[in-house]
Amino acid sequence: MTENTFPLHNADAIVNFYRNEVLTGQEAKQFTKGDLTPVPRPEAVQTLYMRILHLLYRFRPECHSMVPLLENIQYPGYHEGATAIMSVYTRMRQFLPMCLVYDFSLNDLLAPKKQKTLVILSAIMNFLHFRKERMVLMLEKQAKFRADMDKLQTYTRGNREAEKKIEQLTTIPPEQQAEADELAAALSELQATTVHEYQEVNVKNDNIAEWKTKIAEKTQKLSQVKVDVSNLKEDITKLKSQIVESPEELKSQKEKMKEAAKKIKNSIAETDEYVVEMQNRVQSVAHTEAELQQMNSLLQDLESSMNNTRLRQEEYQELLVQSEKMQKELKSLCSEEVQLKRALGMKLDKECKQNIRRQKKRETTEQHVQEVLGQCNQIHQKREEMADKIQVITGETRQLKAKIKSLRDVCSKETEKAQALYDTLSTSMDGLHKRIEMHITDLKLHQDV
């Protein structure tokens, strides 16, 4: 025990730890330092070991005192006191090697020693600290695993919802399928009509441009004719004032002027007719422009719907990106889950191996217990034989005690006599010593003289 791998604690630290961590209620209040030092109490140590086994293996203290109901056991009442101690002993023998204590004996329960009990309790204290730390780590890992599983579930739900939204966005419901087909047909028709009308409008614009050029040319011609007429009128007035012509010439000139005026009137009427036609055509162009504006509004509505579809496509792409991210996270979580499963498998394998070892140890301990029980039966038989012998010996001892009393009485009488003789002899010896001293002093005085 001099080369331990765990720290040794003093009695105060051990008492405080077991009162706070293991014992409860009145047992914690009644457990004190006096139960361990200077001489440990066996009852306190046994109850403490029972509570430790209950904390670790859920083996209740009252189960230690249960006697197995076997036919071969005679007088089971004699085994009630030994079964609890043997049960605690066997289970502590199984448990303490995990605490690096390999020399636990039955004497440590029946007559424990201070240093040995402190070492065992320190080892168990170190194991409980290690168990507490491992339990905290395992709880943290379990909480993390649960949080990861919750995240995985939320991510899968989000993926499912995103897929549903994508399906809703991409698929048209059957109720609106007819309307969608009608809208698609109407859009195709509108596109065709708009293309045809754009072509017609372009043709009409070309015709309007040609007519405008013609009207401009004719207006120029009219302006020139008006200028010529005004010039002719001026010339006529000048000629009237200057020249007095013959009436025949005047008539001929007037006829010429009338013909020219008729031609001018006819040209003006024709231009008026052209103007009316152009006005009608301009009105038709205005009507076509209104229709074009309606078509532009329809096209704007179509552009807005196309923008909405683009936005939905962008949302669809964003959802796809999010779904890819979620799938990557799912892959990472799946890899972590596989690693955790592998770790759990390794732990389960270790636990299976430990359970097999424990079963083997239990079998060996059960065999040992059966051997001990057989030895106990032999001891019980020997005990009965010894009880008979003890009864015989008690009778003999009574006789011997009577003899001893009689001998003591005789001895007391003889001692009294011897004491009287001793007193007389001591007084006579004292007198002799005094006489000898007197003679010695007298001889010294004679020698001096």
Protein backbone atom coordinates (compact mmCIF):
# COMPACT_ATOMS: atom_id res chain seq x y z
CA MET A 1 0.00 0.00 0.00
CA THR A 2 3.06 2.31 0.01
CA GLU A 3 2.97 2.79 -3.80
CA ASN A 4 -0.61 3.99 -4.33
CA THR A 5 -1.69 5.95 -7.41
CA PHE A 6 -4.33 7.90 -5.45
CA PRO A 7 -3.91 10.57 -2.74
CA LEU A 8 -4.36 9.65 0.91
CA HIS A 9 -6.70 11.94 2.84
CA ASN A 10 -6.97 12.64 6.53
CA ALA A 11 -9.91 11.60 8.68
CA ASP A 12 -11.58 15.06 8.64
CA ALA A 13 -11.63 15.24 4.82
CA ILE A 14 -12.93 11.66 4.56
CA VAL A 15 -15.72 12.32 7.11
CA ASN A 16 -16.81 15.52 5.35
CA PHE A 17 -16.82 13.84 1.94
CA TYR A 18 -18.83 10.78 2.97
CA ARG A 19 -21.28 12.86 5.00
CA ASN A 20 -21.96 15.07 1.97
CA GLU A 21 -21.74 12.59 -0.92
CA VAL A 22 -22.70 9.13 0.37
CA LEU A 23 -24.62 9.22 3.63
CA THR A 24 -28.00 10.88 4.14
CA GLY A 25 -30.28 11.86 6.99
CA GLN A 26 -29.46 10.67 10.49
CA GLU A 27 -26.60 8.49 9.26
CA ALA A 28 -24.78 11.59 7.94
CA LYS A 29 -25.34 13.42 11.21
CA GLN A 30 -24.23 10.48 13.37
CA PHE A 31 -21.11 9.69 11.30
CA THR A 32 -18.19 11.47 12.99
CA LYS A 33 -14.42 11.35 13.18
CA GLY A 34 -14.65 9.14 16.28
CA ASP A 35 -16.03 6.34 14.09
CA LEU A 36 -12.66 6.13 12.28
CA THR A 37 -10.06 7.27 14.82
CA PRO A 38 -8.27 6.17 16.96
CA VAL A 39 -9.92 2.75 16.55
CA PRO A 40 -12.55 2.37 13.80
CA ARG A 41 -15.95 1.04 14.83
CA PRO A 42 -16.84 -2.08 12.81
CA GLU A 43 -20.57 -1.21 12.71
CA ALA A 44 -19.93 2.27 11.25
CA VAL A 45 -17.44 0.93 8.68
CA GLN A 46 -19.84 -1.87 7.62
CA THR A 47 -22.78 0.54 7.19
CA LEU A 48 -20.54 2.94 5.22
CA TYR A 49 -19.49 0.13 2.87
CA MET A 50 -23.16 -0.88 2.45
CA ARG A 51 -24.10 2.70 1.51
CA ILE A 52 -21.22 2.87 -0.99
CA LEU A 53 -22.40 -0.36 -2.64
CA HIS A 54 -25.95 0.99 -2.73
CA LEU A 55 -24.73 4.21 -4.37
CA LEU A 56 -22.68 2.40 -7.01
CA TYR A 57 -24.66 -0.80 -7.75
CA ARG A 58 -28.14 0.05 -6.33
CA PHE A 59 -27.76 -2.92 -3.97
CA ARG A 60 -29.85 -2.03 -0.95
CA PRO A 61 -28.38 -2.59 2.54
CA GLU A 62 -31.26 -4.84 3.64
CA CYS A 63 -30.47 -7.23 0.77
CA HIS A 64 -27.15 -8.13 2.41
CA SER A 65 -28.89 -9.90 5.28
CA MET A 66 -31.15 -12.09 3.10
CA VAL A 67 -30.44 -15.81 3.59
CA PRO A 68 -30.86 -18.00 0.46
CA LEU A 69 -33.71 -20.47 0.88
CA LEU A 70 -31.83 -23.72 0.21
CA GLU A 71 -32.81 -27.16 1.48
CA ASN A 72 -29.28 -28.11 2.49
CA ILE A 73 -28.93 -25.25 5.00
CA GLN A 74 -29.67 -26.38 8.53
CA TYR A 75 -30.53 -23.86 11.21
CA PRO A 76 -30.72 -20.73 8.96
CA GLY A 77 -31.03 -18.56 12.05
CA TYR A 78 -27.35 -19.15 12.75
CA HIS A 79 -26.45 -17.67 9.32
CA GLU A 80 -28.29 -14.35 9.70
CA GLY A 81 -25.39 -12.62 11.40
CA ALA A 82 -22.74 -13.95 9.03
CA THR A 83 -24.61 -13.46 5.73
CA ALA A 84 -24.57 -9.65 5.86
CA ILE A 85 -20.83 -9.56 6.58
CA MET A 86 -20.08 -12.19 3.91
CA SER A 87 -22.23 -10.36 1.36
CA VAL A 88 -20.48 -7.05 2.02
CA TYR A 89 -17.11 -8.82 1.95
CA THR A 90 -17.71 -10.53 -1.42
CA ARG A 91 -19.03 -7.38 -3.07
CA MET A 92 -16.23 -5.22 -1.70
CA ARG A 93 -13.75 -7.81 -2.99
CA GLN A 94 -15.31 -7.36 -6.43
CA PHE A 95 -15.41 -3.57 -6.22
CA LEU A 96 -12.10 -2.57 -4.60
CA PRO A 97 -9.79 -3.78 -7.43
CA MET A 98 -11.33 -1.00 -9.54
CA CYS A 99 -10.09 1.39 -6.83
CA LEU A 100 -6.57 -0.18 -6.99
CA VAL A 101 -6.99 -1.93 -3.61
CA TYR A 102 -6.16 -5.63 -3.86
CA ASP A 103 -5.56 -6.72 -0.25
CA PHE A 104 -9.03 -6.38 1.26
CA SER A 105 -9.63 -9.07 3.87
CA LEU A 106 -12.44 -10.16 6.15
CA ASN A 107 -10.55 -8.72 9.10
CA ASP A 108 -11.05 -5.23 7.60
CA LEU A 109 -14.78 -5.65 8.29
CA LEU A 110 -14.72 -7.46 11.62
CA ALA A 111 -11.76 -5.65 13.27
CA PRO A 112 -10.74 -2.73 11.03
CA LYS A 113 -7.53 -0.82 11.64
CA LYS A 114 -7.17 2.92 11.36
CA GLN A 115 -4.55 3.24 8.60
CA LYS A 116 -5.99 0.46 6.44
CA THR A 117 -9.54 1.86 6.63
CA LEU A 118 -8.30 5.38 5.80
CA VAL A 119 -6.44 4.01 2.76
CA ILE A 120 -9.51 2.07 1.56
CA LEU A 121 -11.83 5.06 2.08
CA SER A 122 -9.34 7.34 0.27
CA ALA A 123 -9.27 4.93 -2.67
CA ILE A 124 -13.09 4.82 -2.79
CA MET A 125 -13.15 8.63 -2.48
CA ASN A 126 -10.78 8.93 -5.45
CA PHE A 127 -12.96 6.50 -7.46
CA LEU A 128 -16.12 8.47 -6.62
CA HIS A 129 -14.44 11.72 -7.73
CA PHE A 130 -13.43 10.05 -11.00
CA ARG A 131 -16.96 8.60 -11.40
CA LYS A 132 -18.50 12.03 -10.84
CA GLU A 133 -16.23 13.66 -13.45
CA ARG A 134 -16.97 10.90 -15.98
CA MET A 135 -20.69 11.20 -15.33
CA VAL A 136 -20.52 14.97 -15.92
CA LEU A 137 -18.66 14.40 -19.20
CA MET A 138 -21.11 11.72 -20.28
CA LEU A 139 -24.06 13.96 -19.45
CA GLU A 140 -22.48 16.78 -21.48
CA LYS A 141 -21.94 14.40 -24.40
CA GLN A 142 -25.50 13.13 -24.10
CA ALA A 143 -26.82 16.73 -24.03
CA LYS A 144 -24.68 17.58 -27.06
CA PHE A 145 -25.86 14.45 -28.86
CA ARG A 146 -29.48 15.29 -28.07
CA ALA A 147 -28.97 18.88 -29.27
CA ASP A 148 -27.38 17.56 -32.48
CA MET A 149 -30.28 15.17 -32.97
CA ASP A 150 -32.74 18.05 -32.41
CA LYS A 151 -30.81 20.13 -34.95
CA LEU A 152 -30.86 17.24 -37.37
CA GLN A 153 -34.60 16.87 -36.92
CA THR A 154 -35.13 20.61 -37.40
CA TYR A 155 -32.91 20.58 -40.48
CA THR A 156 -34.78 17.62 -41.94
CA ARG A 157 -38.07 19.36 -41.23
CA GLY A 158 -36.74 22.53 -42.88
CA ASN A 159 -35.61 20.50 -45.89
CA ARG A 160 -39.02 18.87 -46.13
CA GLU A 161 -40.78 22.23 -45.86
CA ALA A 162 -38.43 23.72 -48.46
CA GLU A 163 -39.08 20.79 -50.79
CA LYS A 164 -42.81 21.24 -50.27
CA LYS A 165 -42.50 24.98 -51.00
CA ILE A 166 -40.43 24.22 -54.11
CA GLU A 167 -43.06 21.74 -55.27
CA GLN A 168 -45.79 24.31 -54.58
CA LEU A 169 -43.88 26.97 -56.52
CA THR A 170 -42.97 24.71 -59.43
CA THR A 171 -46.23 22.79 -59.74
CA ILE A 172 -49.50 24.45 -60.68
CA PRO A 173 -52.54 23.20 -58.74
CA PRO A 174 -55.17 21.38 -60.81
CA GLU A 175 -57.76 24.02 -59.91
CA GLN A 176 -55.66 26.75 -61.54
CA GLN A 177 -54.29 24.59 -64.36
CA ALA A 178 -57.11 25.60 -66.75
CA GLU A 179 -56.63 29.27 -65.88
CA ALA A 180 -52.88 28.92 -66.39
CA ASP A 181 -53.43 27.28 -69.78
CA GLU A 182 -55.89 30.03 -70.73
CA LEU A 183 -53.42 32.69 -69.57
CA ALA A 184 -50.62 31.04 -71.54
CA ALA A 185 -52.83 30.90 -74.66
CA ALA A 186 -53.92 34.49 -74.09
CA LEU A 187 -50.26 35.53 -73.69
CA SER A 188 -49.30 33.77 -76.91
CA GLU A 189 -52.24 35.40 -78.71
CA LEU A 190 -51.39 38.79 -77.24
CA GLN A 191 -47.79 38.40 -78.29
CA ALA A 192 -48.86 37.45 -81.80
CA THR A 193 -51.39 40.33 -81.99
CA THR A 194 -48.88 42.80 -80.56
CA VAL A 195 -46.31 41.72 -83.14
CA HIS A 196 -48.91 42.05 -85.94
CA GLU A 197 -50.11 45.41 -84.60
CA TYR A 198 -46.54 46.62 -84.23
CA GLN A 199 -46.04 45.72 -87.88
CA GLU A 200 -49.27 47.52 -88.86
CA VAL A 201 -48.31 50.53 -86.77
CA ASN A 202 -44.92 50.63 -88.44
CA VAL A 203 -46.61 50.50 -91.87
CA LYS A 204 -49.06 53.24 -90.84
CA ASN A 205 -46.24 55.36 -89.46
CA ASP A 206 -44.43 54.98 -92.77
CA ASN A 207 -47.62 55.99 -94.65
CA ILE A 208 -48.15 58.95 -92.30
CA ALA A 209 -44.57 60.05 -92.91
CA GLU A 210 -45.13 59.83 -96.68
CA TRP A 211 -48.41 61.78 -96.43
CA LYS A 212 -46.74 64.37 -94.24
CA THR A 213 -44.03 64.83 -96.84
CA LYS A 214 -46.67 65.09 -99.58
CA ILE A 215 -48.69 67.62 -97.51
CA ALA A 216 -45.56 69.63 -96.89
CA GLU A 217 -44.78 69.66 -100.62
CA LYS A 218 -48.37 70.68 -101.47
CA THR A 219 -48.40 73.39 -98.80
CA GLN A 220 -45.18 74.69 -100.25
CA LYS A 221 -46.78 74.65 -103.71
CA LEU A 222 -49.88 76.42 -102.33
CA SER A 223 -47.74 79.04 -100.64
CA GLN A 224 -45.87 79.55 -103.90
CA VAL A 225 -49.20 79.76 -105.85
CA LYS A 226 -50.54 82.26 -103.32
CA VAL A 227 -47.36 84.28 -103.68
CA ASP A 228 -47.73 84.07 -107.49
CA VAL A 229 -51.39 85.13 -107.29
CA SER A 230 -50.54 88.06 -105.09
CA ASN A 231 -47.78 89.01 -107.49
CA LEU A 232 -50.18 88.69 -110.41
CA LYS A 233 -52.74 90.86 -108.65
CA GLU A 234 -50.11 93.46 -108.04
CA ASP A 235 -49.02 93.24 -111.67
CA ILE A 236 -52.67 93.53 -112.77
CA THR A 237 -53.21 96.63 -110.70
CA LYS A 238 -49.99 98.11 -111.99
CA LEU A 239 -50.95 97.26 -115.55
CA LYS A 240 -54.47 98.67 -115.05
CA SER A 241 -53.01 101.85 -113.80
CA GLN A 242 -50.42 102.08 -116.56
CA ILE A 243 -52.05 100.57 -119.60
CA VAL A 244 -55.51 101.03 -120.99
CA GLU A 245 -56.10 97.93 -122.95
CA SER A 246 -58.80 96.99 -125.34
CA PRO A 247 -61.91 95.28 -123.94
CA GLU A 248 -61.19 92.13 -125.91
CA GLU A 249 -57.82 91.73 -124.36
CA LEU A 250 -59.31 92.44 -120.96
CA LYS A 251 -61.95 89.81 -121.53
CA SER A 252 -59.35 87.29 -122.62
CA GLN A 253 -57.20 88.09 -119.61
CA LYS A 254 -60.20 87.91 -117.30
CA GLU A 255 -61.11 84.52 -118.75
CA LYS A 256 -57.55 83.40 -118.26
CA MET A 257 -57.62 84.72 -114.71
CA LYS A 258 -60.96 82.96 -114.09
CA GLU A 259 -59.56 79.69 -115.40
CA ALA A 260 -56.50 80.13 -113.22
CA ALA A 261 -58.75 80.91 -110.20
CA LYS A 262 -60.88 77.82 -110.97
CA LYS A 263 -57.72 75.71 -111.11
CA ILE A 264 -56.58 77.24 -107.83
CA LYS A 265 -60.00 76.57 -106.27
CA ASN A 266 -59.97 73.00 -107.53
CA SER A 267 -56.46 72.51 -106.12
CA ILE A 268 -57.60 74.06 -102.81
CA ALA A 269 -60.64 71.72 -102.71
CA GLU A 270 -58.41 68.76 -103.44
CA THR A 271 -56.02 69.83 -100.70
CA ASP A 272 -58.98 70.21 -98.32
CA GLU A 273 -60.12 66.71 -99.21
CA TYR A 274 -56.58 65.45 -98.61
CA VAL A 275 -56.52 67.31 -95.27
CA VAL A 276 -59.84 65.69 -94.24
CA GLU A 277 -58.52 62.28 -95.22
CA MET A 278 -55.33 62.97 -93.30
CA GLN A 279 -57.34 64.09 -90.26
CA ASN A 280 -59.35 60.87 -90.43
CA ARG A 281 -56.15 58.92 -90.73
CA VAL A 282 -54.66 60.88 -87.78
CA GLN A 283 -57.75 60.01 -85.72
CA SER A 284 -57.32 56.36 -86.66
CA VAL A 285 -53.65 56.66 -85.69
CA ALA A 286 -54.71 58.19 -82.33
CA HIS A 287 -57.12 55.29 -81.84
CA THR A 288 -54.35 52.87 -82.68
CA GLU A 289 -52.07 54.74 -80.24
CA ALA A 290 -54.72 54.28 -77.49
CA GLU A 291 -54.88 50.60 -78.36
CA LEU A 292 -51.10 50.51 -78.25
CA GLN A 293 -51.17 52.13 -74.81
CA GLN A 294 -53.58 49.43 -73.66
CA MET A 295 -51.22 46.85 -75.10
CA ASN A 296 -48.32 48.55 -73.31
CA SER A 297 -50.27 48.37 -70.02
CA LEU A 298 -50.90 44.68 -70.69
CA LEU A 299 -47.25 44.23 -71.47
CA GLN A 300 -46.33 46.04 -68.25
CA ASP A 301 -48.62 43.66 -66.36
CA LEU A 302 -46.90 40.79 -68.08
CA GLU A 303 -43.51 42.25 -67.14
CA SER A 304 -44.65 42.53 -63.52
CA SER A 305 -45.82 38.91 -63.60
CA MET A 306 -42.50 37.92 -65.18
CA ASN A 307 -40.67 39.86 -62.46
CA ASN A 308 -42.72 37.99 -59.87
CA THR A 309 -41.78 34.72 -61.52
CA ARG A 310 -38.13 35.82 -61.53
CA LEU A 311 -38.37 36.66 -57.83
CA ARG A 312 -39.90 33.25 -57.21
CA GLN A 313 -37.11 31.67 -59.22
CA GLU A 314 -34.56 33.60 -57.14
CA GLU A 315 -36.31 32.43 -53.96
CA TYR A 316 -36.26 28.92 -55.39
CA GLN A 317 -32.52 29.22 -56.03
CA GLU A 318 -31.97 30.58 -52.50
CA LEU A 319 -33.97 27.68 -51.11
CA LEU A 320 -31.85 25.32 -53.19
CA VAL A 321 -28.69 26.90 -51.77
CA GLN A 322 -30.11 26.60 -48.26
CA SER A 323 -31.08 23.00 -48.92
CA GLU A 324 -27.52 22.28 -50.14
CA LYS A 325 -26.14 23.87 -46.97
CA MET A 326 -28.56 21.84 -44.88
CA GLN A 327 -27.53 18.68 -46.73
CA LYS A 328 -23.87 19.46 -46.03
CA GLU A 329 -24.69 19.99 -42.35
CA LEU A 330 -26.69 16.75 -42.44
CA LYS A 331 -23.69 14.94 -43.87
CA SER A 332 -21.45 16.38 -41.14
CA LEU A 333 -24.00 15.44 -38.49
CA CYS A 334 -24.32 11.97 -39.99
CA SER A 335 -20.53 11.58 -39.85
CA GLU A 336 -20.56 12.75 -36.22
CA GLU A 337 -23.41 10.34 -35.53
CA VAL A 338 -21.41 7.49 -37.11
CA GLN A 339 -18.41 8.42 -34.97
CA LEU A 340 -20.60 8.53 -31.86
CA LYS A 341 -22.13 5.18 -32.80
CA ARG A 342 -18.66 3.74 -33.22
CA ALA A 343 -17.66 5.14 -29.84
CA LEU A 344 -20.84 3.70 -28.34
CA GLY A 345 -20.10 0.37 -30.00
CA MET A 346 -16.59 0.38 -28.54
CA LYS A 347 -18.02 1.25 -25.14
CA LEU A 348 -20.64 -1.47 -25.43
CA ASP A 349 -17.93 -3.97 -26.39
CA LYS A 350 -15.92 -2.92 -23.38
CA GLU A 351 -19.00 -3.18 -21.18
CA CYS A 352 -19.72 -6.67 -22.59
CA LYS A 353 -16.15 -7.73 -21.86
CA GLN A 354 -16.41 -6.25 -18.38
CA ASN A 355 -19.75 -8.02 -17.85
CA ILE A 356 -18.18 -11.31 -18.94
CA ARG A 357 -15.32 -10.73 -16.51
CA ARG A 358 -17.78 -9.84 -13.80
CA GLN A 359 -19.80 -12.98 -14.50
CA LYS A 360 -16.64 -15.04 -14.28
CA LYS A 361 -15.75 -13.31 -11.02
CA ARG A 362 -19.28 -13.86 -9.76
CA GLU A 363 -19.06 -17.54 -10.63
CA THR A 364 -15.73 -17.81 -8.83
CA THR A 365 -17.14 -15.89 -5.87
CA GLU A 366 -20.24 -18.07 -5.83
CA GLN A 367 -18.05 -21.16 -5.83
CA HIS A 368 -15.98 -19.60 -3.08
CA VAL A 369 -19.16 -18.75 -1.16
CA GLN A 370 -20.40 -22.33 -1.56
CA GLU A 371 -17.07 -23.59 -0.29
CA VAL A 372 -17.28 -21.14 2.60
CA LEU A 373 -20.84 -22.26 3.32
CA GLY A 374 -19.68 -25.90 3.33
CA GLN A 375 -16.88 -24.91 5.70
CA CYS A 376 -19.48 -23.04 7.78
CA ASN A 377 -21.59 -26.22 7.97
CA GLN A 378 -18.52 -28.17 9.07
CA ILE A 379 -17.75 -25.40 11.55
CA HIS A 380 -21.32 -25.60 12.83
CA GLN A 381 -20.96 -29.35 13.40
CA LYS A 382 -17.63 -28.82 15.09
CA ARG A 383 -19.26 -26.04 17.07
CA GLU A 384 -21.91 -28.46 18.39
CA GLU A 385 -19.20 -30.95 19.28
CA MET A 386 -17.22 -28.18 20.93
CA ALA A 387 -20.36 -27.09 22.77
CA ASP A 388 -20.69 -30.60 24.25
CA LYS A 389 -17.05 -30.57 25.14
CA ILE A 390 -17.45 -27.10 26.64
CA GLN A 391 -20.31 -28.31 28.82
CA VAL A 392 -18.10 -31.16 30.10
CA ILE A 393 -15.26 -28.73 30.61
CA THR A 394 -17.56 -26.29 32.44
CA GLY A 395 -18.50 -29.09 34.89
CA GLU A 396 -14.86 -29.89 35.40
CA THR A 397 -14.06 -26.21 35.82
CA ARG A 398 -16.76 -25.90 38.47
CA GLN A 399 -15.23 -28.78 40.36
CA LEU A 400 -11.81 -27.23 39.95
CA LYS A 401 -13.18 -23.89 41.15
CA ALA A 402 -14.53 -25.59 44.29
CA LYS A 403 -11.19 -27.24 44.87
CA ILE A 404 -9.45 -23.95 44.20
CA LYS A 405 -11.66 -22.21 46.76
CA SER A 406 -10.87 -24.84 49.37
CA LEU A 407 -7.20 -24.59 48.54
CA ARG A 408 -7.41 -20.83 48.70
CA ASP A 409 -8.94 -21.07 52.17
CA VAL A 410 -6.12 -23.40 53.27
CA CYS A 411 -3.58 -21.15 51.69
CA SER A 412 -5.07 -18.10 53.38
CA LYS A 413 -4.83 -19.83 56.74
CA GLU A 414 -1.25 -20.89 56.05
CA THR A 415 -0.39 -17.43 54.83
CA GLU A 416 -1.79 -15.97 58.05
CA LYS A 417 0.37 -18.36 60.03
CA ALA A 418 3.38 -17.56 57.90
CA GLN A 419 2.64 -13.86 58.29
CA ALA A 420 2.62 -14.26 62.08
CA LEU A 421 5.90 -16.18 61.95
CA TYR A 422 7.30 -13.55 59.61
CA ASP A 423 6.29 -10.77 62.02
CA THR A 424 7.93 -12.52 64.96
CA LEU A 425 11.05 -13.24 62.94
CA SER A 426 11.19 -9.66 61.71
CA THR A 427 10.91 -8.30 65.28
CA SER A 428 13.63 -10.70 66.50
CA MET A 429 15.86 -9.75 63.57
CA ASP A 430 15.34 -6.08 64.30
CA GLY A 431 16.39 -6.69 67.92
CA LEU A 432 19.46 -8.61 66.80
CA HIS A 433 20.41 -5.87 64.35
CA LYS A 434 20.14 -3.30 67.13
CA ARG A 435 22.29 -5.40 69.44
CA ILE A 436 24.89 -5.90 66.72
CA GLU A 437 24.97 -2.18 66.09
CA MET A 438 25.44 -1.55 69.85
CA HIS A 439 28.31 -4.04 69.97
CA ILE A 440 29.90 -2.44 66.93
CA THR A 441 29.72 1.04 68.48
CA ASP A 442 31.20 -0.31 71.73
CA LEU A 443 34.11 -1.96 69.84
CA LYS A 444 34.78 1.29 67.96
CA LEU A 445 34.93 3.19 71.26
CA HIS A 446 37.37 0.65 72.74
CA GLN A 447 39.58 0.86 69.69
CA ASP A 448 39.67 4.66 69.92
CA VAL A 449 40.66 4.51 73.56
